[in-house]
Amino acid sequence: MKDFFKGSSFKVLAIAVVVLLGLAAFTATAGSAFVAGLLGFVSAPMQSIATDVTGNMTEFLDLESYSKEDLQALVEQLQQERSALAQQLVDYEEKKRENEQLKQQLAIAQLEPENEMRSASVIGRDPNEVFAGFSIDKGSLSGVSEGDPVITSQGLVGVVSQVYATSSMVTCLLSEDLQVAAVSIDREESGVITSDIMTASAGLLRLNYLSSETKLEKGDIITTSGAGGAYPANIIIGEVQSVEKSENDISKYAVVKPYEDLAHVKDVQVIVSFPGKGEEASVLPEGEEDPAKEDGE
């Protein structure tokens, strides 16, 4: 028994008795208003929740008293609100895309401030196009011209090949119709980026006309050289995957993997003006001849 009076249980019981005696003494002087207020403080949140639930249930049950015309009007109102919310979502996504385009344009412009660009979005792809060509939502009214280079922050994508008032067609870098003067910034060796059905199907490019003593290695970065005036210099293209012997066993070529996923581009920048645009010069490295011309002689 002595242990009980010394234990923690007795202390808790003693504190509880003191609190109850104090509360009884206070309420005797404060009156019943305090007790009622205390109970109200505890029960008020529960009453609020019950009121909300009751109101919602009443509103739901009141639908039974609606006429057919009232219900039809309610349905039309809900449909209008749904359409308005859907439009807000579309506007939000459009603003989000425009924001991403501006961020991309700003990043590229900071690297090459002298180039004038137009932001554009891919609006169509031909499923039968084996070289990943596509159409964009900018045309002559936006200052886009045939031959304008098309890029992203990841590198060169292609070139504008057909122009309409509000749209354009882009020939992808994977196309066998394109030749791009290129250079290795690591080794200062130049060549020409091309593609064919085999490399395009694998999403790869070829850097042709390398000498048999080329020093290019896997991982070397390839950019545009600017020769020929068709593309600005220093636009990233990709990196070397391997170096192979050409079919003629005299020169070599490099297999290049683009930094951009060319078959799934969504937003691009069209370079409508840049220093040296349109200069007449060969895209082939000095001393090289185009094999196609040799075959035609």
Protein backbone atom coordinates (compact mmCIF):
# COMPACT_ATOMS: atom_id res chain seq x y z
CA MET A 1 0.00 0.00 0.00
CA LYS A 2 2.87 2.31 0.82
CA ASP A 3 4.28 1.60 -2.62
CA PHE A 4 1.05 2.80 -4.25
CA PHE A 5 1.22 6.23 -2.56
CA LYS A 6 4.82 6.56 -3.74
CA GLY A 7 4.17 5.39 -7.30
CA SER A 8 3.42 7.41 -10.47
CA SER A 9 -0.21 6.21 -10.58
CA PHE A 10 -0.97 7.95 -7.31
CA LYS A 11 0.64 11.18 -8.51
CA VAL A 12 -1.50 11.21 -11.68
CA LEU A 13 -4.66 10.56 -9.64
CA ALA A 14 -3.78 13.35 -7.23
CA ILE A 15 -3.26 15.85 -10.07
CA ALA A 16 -6.59 14.87 -11.63
CA VAL A 17 -8.41 15.41 -8.31
CA VAL A 18 -6.83 18.86 -7.88
CA VAL A 19 -7.81 19.90 -11.43
CA LEU A 20 -11.41 18.74 -10.94
CA LEU A 21 -11.70 20.57 -7.60
CA GLY A 22 -10.32 23.72 -9.20
CA LEU A 23 -12.73 23.46 -12.15
CA ALA A 24 -15.65 22.95 -9.74
CA ALA A 25 -14.65 25.97 -7.69
CA PHE A 26 -14.28 28.14 -10.82
CA THR A 27 -17.61 27.13 -12.37
CA ALA A 28 -19.34 27.84 -9.07
CA THR A 29 -18.33 31.50 -9.45
CA ALA A 30 -18.39 31.77 -13.26
CA GLY A 31 -21.79 30.15 -13.60
CA SER A 32 -23.17 27.77 -16.16
CA ALA A 33 -22.27 30.05 -19.09
CA PHE A 34 -18.65 28.92 -18.93
CA VAL A 35 -19.59 25.25 -19.03
CA ALA A 36 -21.92 25.84 -21.94
CA GLY A 37 -19.20 27.76 -23.78
CA LEU A 38 -16.69 25.00 -23.16
CA LEU A 39 -19.07 22.39 -24.50
CA GLY A 40 -19.84 24.64 -27.47
CA PHE A 41 -16.13 24.98 -28.24
CA VAL A 42 -15.76 21.21 -28.40
CA SER A 43 -18.97 20.53 -30.32
CA ALA A 44 -18.85 23.44 -32.83
CA PRO A 45 -16.58 21.74 -35.41
CA MET A 46 -18.73 18.62 -35.39
CA GLN A 47 -21.88 20.72 -35.83
CA SER A 48 -20.29 22.51 -38.80
CA ILE A 49 -19.41 19.22 -40.50
CA ALA A 50 -22.89 17.84 -39.86
CA THR A 51 -24.47 21.00 -41.29
CA ASP A 52 -22.39 20.78 -44.49
CA VAL A 53 -23.24 17.12 -45.00
CA THR A 54 -26.93 17.76 -44.34
CA GLY A 55 -26.94 20.69 -46.75
CA ASN A 56 -25.32 18.64 -49.50
CA MET A 57 -27.73 15.77 -48.99
CA THR A 58 -30.69 18.18 -49.01
CA GLU A 59 -29.45 19.76 -52.24
CA PHE A 60 -29.07 16.29 -53.75
CA LEU A 61 -32.53 15.19 -52.65
CA ASP A 62 -34.02 18.44 -53.94
CA LEU A 63 -33.13 17.34 -57.48
CA GLU A 64 -36.24 15.16 -57.33
CA SER A 65 -38.38 18.27 -57.25
CA TYR A 66 -36.67 19.72 -60.40
CA SER A 67 -38.70 19.82 -63.57
CA LYS A 68 -37.39 18.29 -66.78
CA GLU A 69 -36.59 21.78 -68.06
CA ASP A 70 -34.69 22.62 -64.86
CA LEU A 71 -32.64 19.45 -65.11
CA GLN A 72 -31.87 20.14 -68.78
CA ALA A 73 -30.73 23.66 -67.88
CA LEU A 74 -28.55 22.26 -65.09
CA VAL A 75 -26.95 19.76 -67.49
CA GLU A 76 -26.26 22.52 -70.03
CA GLN A 77 -24.70 24.68 -67.32
CA LEU A 78 -22.42 21.84 -66.23
CA GLN A 79 -21.43 21.17 -69.84
CA GLN A 80 -20.54 24.84 -70.33
CA GLU A 81 -18.44 24.82 -67.15
CA ARG A 82 -16.70 21.65 -68.34
CA SER A 83 -15.96 23.24 -71.73
CA ALA A 84 -14.61 26.36 -70.03
CA LEU A 85 -12.30 24.26 -67.83
CA ALA A 86 -11.14 22.26 -70.86
CA GLN A 87 -10.31 25.48 -72.70
CA GLN A 88 -8.40 26.76 -69.69
CA LEU A 89 -6.38 23.54 -69.74
CA VAL A 90 -5.64 23.97 -73.46
CA ASP A 91 -4.59 27.58 -72.88
CA TYR A 92 -2.35 26.48 -70.02
CA GLU A 93 -0.63 23.82 -72.15
CA GLU A 94 -0.18 26.35 -74.98
CA LYS A 95 1.38 28.89 -72.64
CA LYS A 96 3.58 26.18 -71.16
CA ARG A 97 4.81 25.21 -74.65
CA GLU A 98 5.41 28.85 -75.61
CA ASN A 99 7.39 29.28 -72.40
CA GLU A 100 9.54 26.25 -73.21
CA GLN A 101 10.13 27.57 -76.73
CA LEU A 102 11.21 30.96 -75.40
CA LYS A 103 13.56 29.33 -72.88
CA GLN A 104 15.06 27.23 -75.67
CA GLN A 105 15.40 30.23 -77.97
CA LEU A 106 17.03 32.26 -75.20
CA ALA A 107 19.54 29.48 -74.49
CA ILE A 108 20.49 29.23 -78.18
CA ALA A 109 20.53 32.99 -78.66
CA GLN A 110 22.98 33.38 -75.80
CA LEU A 111 25.36 31.01 -77.60
CA GLU A 112 24.93 32.57 -81.06
CA PRO A 113 23.44 36.07 -80.52
CA GLU A 114 24.06 37.10 -84.14
CA ASN A 115 21.63 34.48 -85.49
CA GLU A 116 18.00 35.51 -86.02
CA MET A 117 15.53 32.75 -85.20
CA ARG A 118 11.84 31.85 -85.20
CA SER A 119 10.30 29.41 -82.72
CA ALA A 120 8.14 26.70 -84.28
CA SER A 121 6.34 23.50 -83.33
CA VAL A 122 6.12 20.25 -85.26
CA ILE A 123 2.56 19.85 -86.50
CA GLY A 124 2.77 16.80 -88.72
CA ARG A 125 4.79 13.80 -89.85
CA ASP A 126 4.33 11.58 -92.87
CA PRO A 127 4.20 7.97 -91.61
CA ASN A 128 5.61 6.87 -94.96
CA GLU A 129 8.59 9.25 -94.67
CA VAL A 130 11.56 6.98 -93.97
CA PHE A 131 13.91 9.91 -93.34
CA ALA A 132 11.83 11.49 -90.51
CA GLY A 133 10.81 14.66 -92.36
CA PHE A 134 8.12 16.81 -90.74
CA SER A 135 6.08 20.00 -91.04
CA ILE A 136 6.15 23.03 -88.73
CA ASP A 137 3.66 25.80 -87.91
CA LYS A 138 5.73 28.70 -89.29
CA GLY A 139 5.96 29.87 -92.88
CA SER A 140 6.68 32.87 -95.10
CA LEU A 141 4.48 35.17 -93.00
CA SER A 142 6.89 34.55 -90.13
CA GLY A 143 9.96 35.21 -92.27
CA VAL A 144 10.81 31.55 -92.91
CA SER A 145 12.47 30.79 -96.26
CA GLU A 146 13.49 27.70 -98.15
CA GLY A 147 16.96 26.60 -97.09
CA ASP A 148 16.74 27.95 -93.54
CA PRO A 149 18.50 25.66 -91.03
CA VAL A 150 16.33 24.07 -88.33
CA ILE A 151 17.83 23.38 -84.90
CA THR A 152 17.07 22.63 -81.27
CA SER A 153 19.13 23.20 -78.15
CA GLN A 154 20.54 19.70 -78.78
CA GLY A 155 21.81 20.48 -82.27
CA LEU A 156 21.05 20.56 -85.98
CA VAL A 157 17.79 18.93 -87.05
CA GLY A 158 17.44 19.67 -90.77
CA VAL A 159 16.60 22.36 -93.28
CA VAL A 160 13.39 24.00 -94.54
CA SER A 161 12.62 22.49 -97.95
CA GLN A 162 9.14 23.87 -98.77
CA VAL A 163 7.51 27.06 -97.52
CA TYR A 164 3.84 28.07 -97.39
CA ALA A 165 2.20 31.09 -95.80
CA THR A 166 1.74 29.65 -92.32
CA SER A 167 3.61 26.34 -92.43
CA SER A 168 6.73 24.74 -93.85
CA MET A 169 8.16 21.33 -94.63
CA VAL A 170 11.48 20.34 -93.09
CA THR A 171 13.89 17.82 -94.59
CA CYS A 172 15.48 15.98 -91.69
CA LEU A 173 19.23 15.61 -91.26
CA LEU A 174 18.69 11.87 -91.76
CA SER A 175 17.68 12.45 -95.38
CA GLU A 176 19.95 11.25 -98.17
CA ASP A 177 19.25 14.57 -99.92
CA LEU A 178 21.22 16.64 -97.40
CA GLN A 179 24.93 17.35 -97.25
CA VAL A 180 26.33 19.40 -94.38
CA ALA A 181 29.89 20.66 -94.13
CA ALA A 182 31.12 19.54 -90.72
CA VAL A 183 34.22 19.58 -88.56
CA SER A 184 35.55 17.84 -85.48
CA ILE A 185 36.22 20.47 -82.82
CA ASP A 186 38.51 18.01 -81.04
CA ARG A 187 40.75 17.10 -84.00
CA GLU A 188 40.09 19.98 -86.42
CA GLU A 189 39.33 17.49 -89.19
CA SER A 190 36.60 18.32 -91.67
CA GLY A 191 34.19 16.22 -93.71
CA VAL A 192 30.62 16.11 -94.97
CA ILE A 193 27.65 14.79 -93.01
CA THR A 194 25.39 12.56 -95.12
CA SER A 195 22.93 9.73 -94.58
CA ASP A 196 21.26 6.90 -96.45
CA ILE A 197 18.48 4.40 -95.87
CA MET A 198 20.71 2.14 -93.77
CA THR A 199 22.10 4.78 -91.41
CA ALA A 200 18.77 6.64 -91.22
CA SER A 201 16.93 3.51 -90.10
CA ALA A 202 19.34 3.34 -87.17
CA GLY A 203 19.09 7.09 -86.46
CA LEU A 204 22.75 7.60 -87.40
CA LEU A 205 24.79 9.80 -89.78
CA ARG A 206 28.03 9.50 -91.71
CA LEU A 207 30.92 11.94 -91.73
CA ASN A 208 32.49 11.26 -95.13
CA TYR A 209 35.77 12.24 -96.84
CA LEU A 210 38.07 11.63 -93.90
CA SER A 211 41.66 10.82 -94.75
CA SER A 212 42.93 7.31 -94.25
CA GLU A 213 45.14 8.72 -91.48
CA THR A 214 42.31 10.37 -89.58
CA LYS A 215 42.77 10.80 -85.86
CA LEU A 216 39.07 10.82 -85.08
CA GLU A 217 38.00 8.65 -82.17
CA LYS A 218 34.80 7.57 -80.50
CA GLY A 219 33.32 10.42 -78.46
CA ASP A 220 34.72 13.25 -80.61
CA ILE A 221 32.18 16.07 -81.09
CA ILE A 222 31.07 17.02 -84.61
CA THR A 223 29.68 20.48 -85.46
CA THR A 224 28.85 22.43 -88.60
CA SER A 225 31.88 24.13 -90.16
CA GLY A 226 29.97 26.96 -91.85
CA ALA A 227 31.57 26.22 -95.25
CA GLY A 228 29.23 26.85 -98.15
CA GLY A 229 27.06 29.37 -96.31
CA ALA A 230 24.11 26.99 -95.95
CA TYR A 231 24.50 26.55 -92.19
CA PRO A 232 26.05 28.69 -89.47
CA ALA A 233 29.31 27.46 -88.00
CA ASN A 234 29.51 25.72 -84.62
CA ILE A 235 26.04 24.16 -84.59
CA ILE A 236 26.33 20.86 -82.75
CA ILE A 237 25.49 17.74 -84.77
CA GLY A 238 26.54 14.72 -82.73
CA GLU A 239 29.44 12.60 -81.59
CA VAL A 240 31.55 9.93 -83.25
CA GLN A 241 30.51 6.34 -82.56
CA SER A 242 33.14 4.62 -84.68
CA VAL A 243 35.55 5.16 -87.60
CA GLU A 244 35.26 2.84 -90.58
CA LYS A 245 36.97 2.27 -93.94
CA SER A 246 35.11 3.69 -96.93
CA GLU A 247 33.91 1.42 -99.68
CA ASN A 248 36.80 2.53 -101.91
CA ASP A 249 39.33 1.45 -99.25
CA ILE A 250 41.16 4.76 -99.70
CA SER A 251 39.46 7.14 -97.31
CA LYS A 252 37.53 6.62 -94.09
CA TYR A 253 34.25 7.79 -92.63
CA ALA A 254 32.91 8.23 -89.11
CA VAL A 255 29.58 6.97 -87.84
CA VAL A 256 27.98 9.88 -85.98
CA LYS A 257 25.13 9.68 -83.48
CA PRO A 258 23.08 12.93 -83.36
CA TYR A 259 22.56 14.49 -79.95
CA GLU A 260 18.92 15.15 -80.83
CA ASP A 261 16.37 12.37 -81.29
CA LEU A 262 15.61 13.42 -84.86
CA ALA A 263 12.56 11.20 -85.30
CA HIS A 264 10.73 12.64 -82.28
CA VAL A 265 11.42 16.37 -82.35
CA LYS A 266 8.53 18.52 -81.04
CA ASP A 267 9.77 22.12 -80.85
CA VAL A 268 12.43 23.70 -83.04
CA GLN A 269 14.11 26.99 -83.92
CA VAL A 270 14.39 28.13 -87.53
CA ILE A 271 17.48 30.25 -88.23
CA VAL A 272 16.19 32.82 -90.73
CA SER A 273 19.37 34.89 -90.82
CA PHE A 274 23.01 34.44 -89.82
CA PRO A 275 26.39 35.92 -90.77
CA GLY A 276 27.72 34.45 -94.03
CA LYS A 277 24.35 33.04 -95.13
CA GLY A 278 24.30 32.16 -98.82
CA GLU A 279 28.03 32.43 -99.46
CA GLU A 280 29.02 30.43 -102.53
CA ALA A 281 31.54 27.76 -101.59
CA SER A 282 31.91 24.00 -101.79
CA VAL A 283 30.88 21.95 -98.78
CA LEU A 284 33.51 19.34 -99.65
CA PRO A 285 36.87 19.42 -97.89
CA GLU A 286 39.66 21.01 -99.87
CA GLY A 287 41.03 18.68 -102.55
CA GLU A 288 38.04 16.29 -102.45
CA GLU A 289 35.78 15.61 -105.43
CA ASP A 290 32.13 14.69 -105.32
CA PRO A 291 31.88 10.99 -106.34
CA ALA A 292 28.52 11.68 -107.98
CA LYS A 293 30.15 14.10 -110.41
CA GLU A 294 32.90 11.65 -111.20
CA ASP A 295 30.33 8.98 -112.01
CA GLY A 296 28.51 11.37 -114.34
CA GLU A 297 31.59 12.24 -116.40
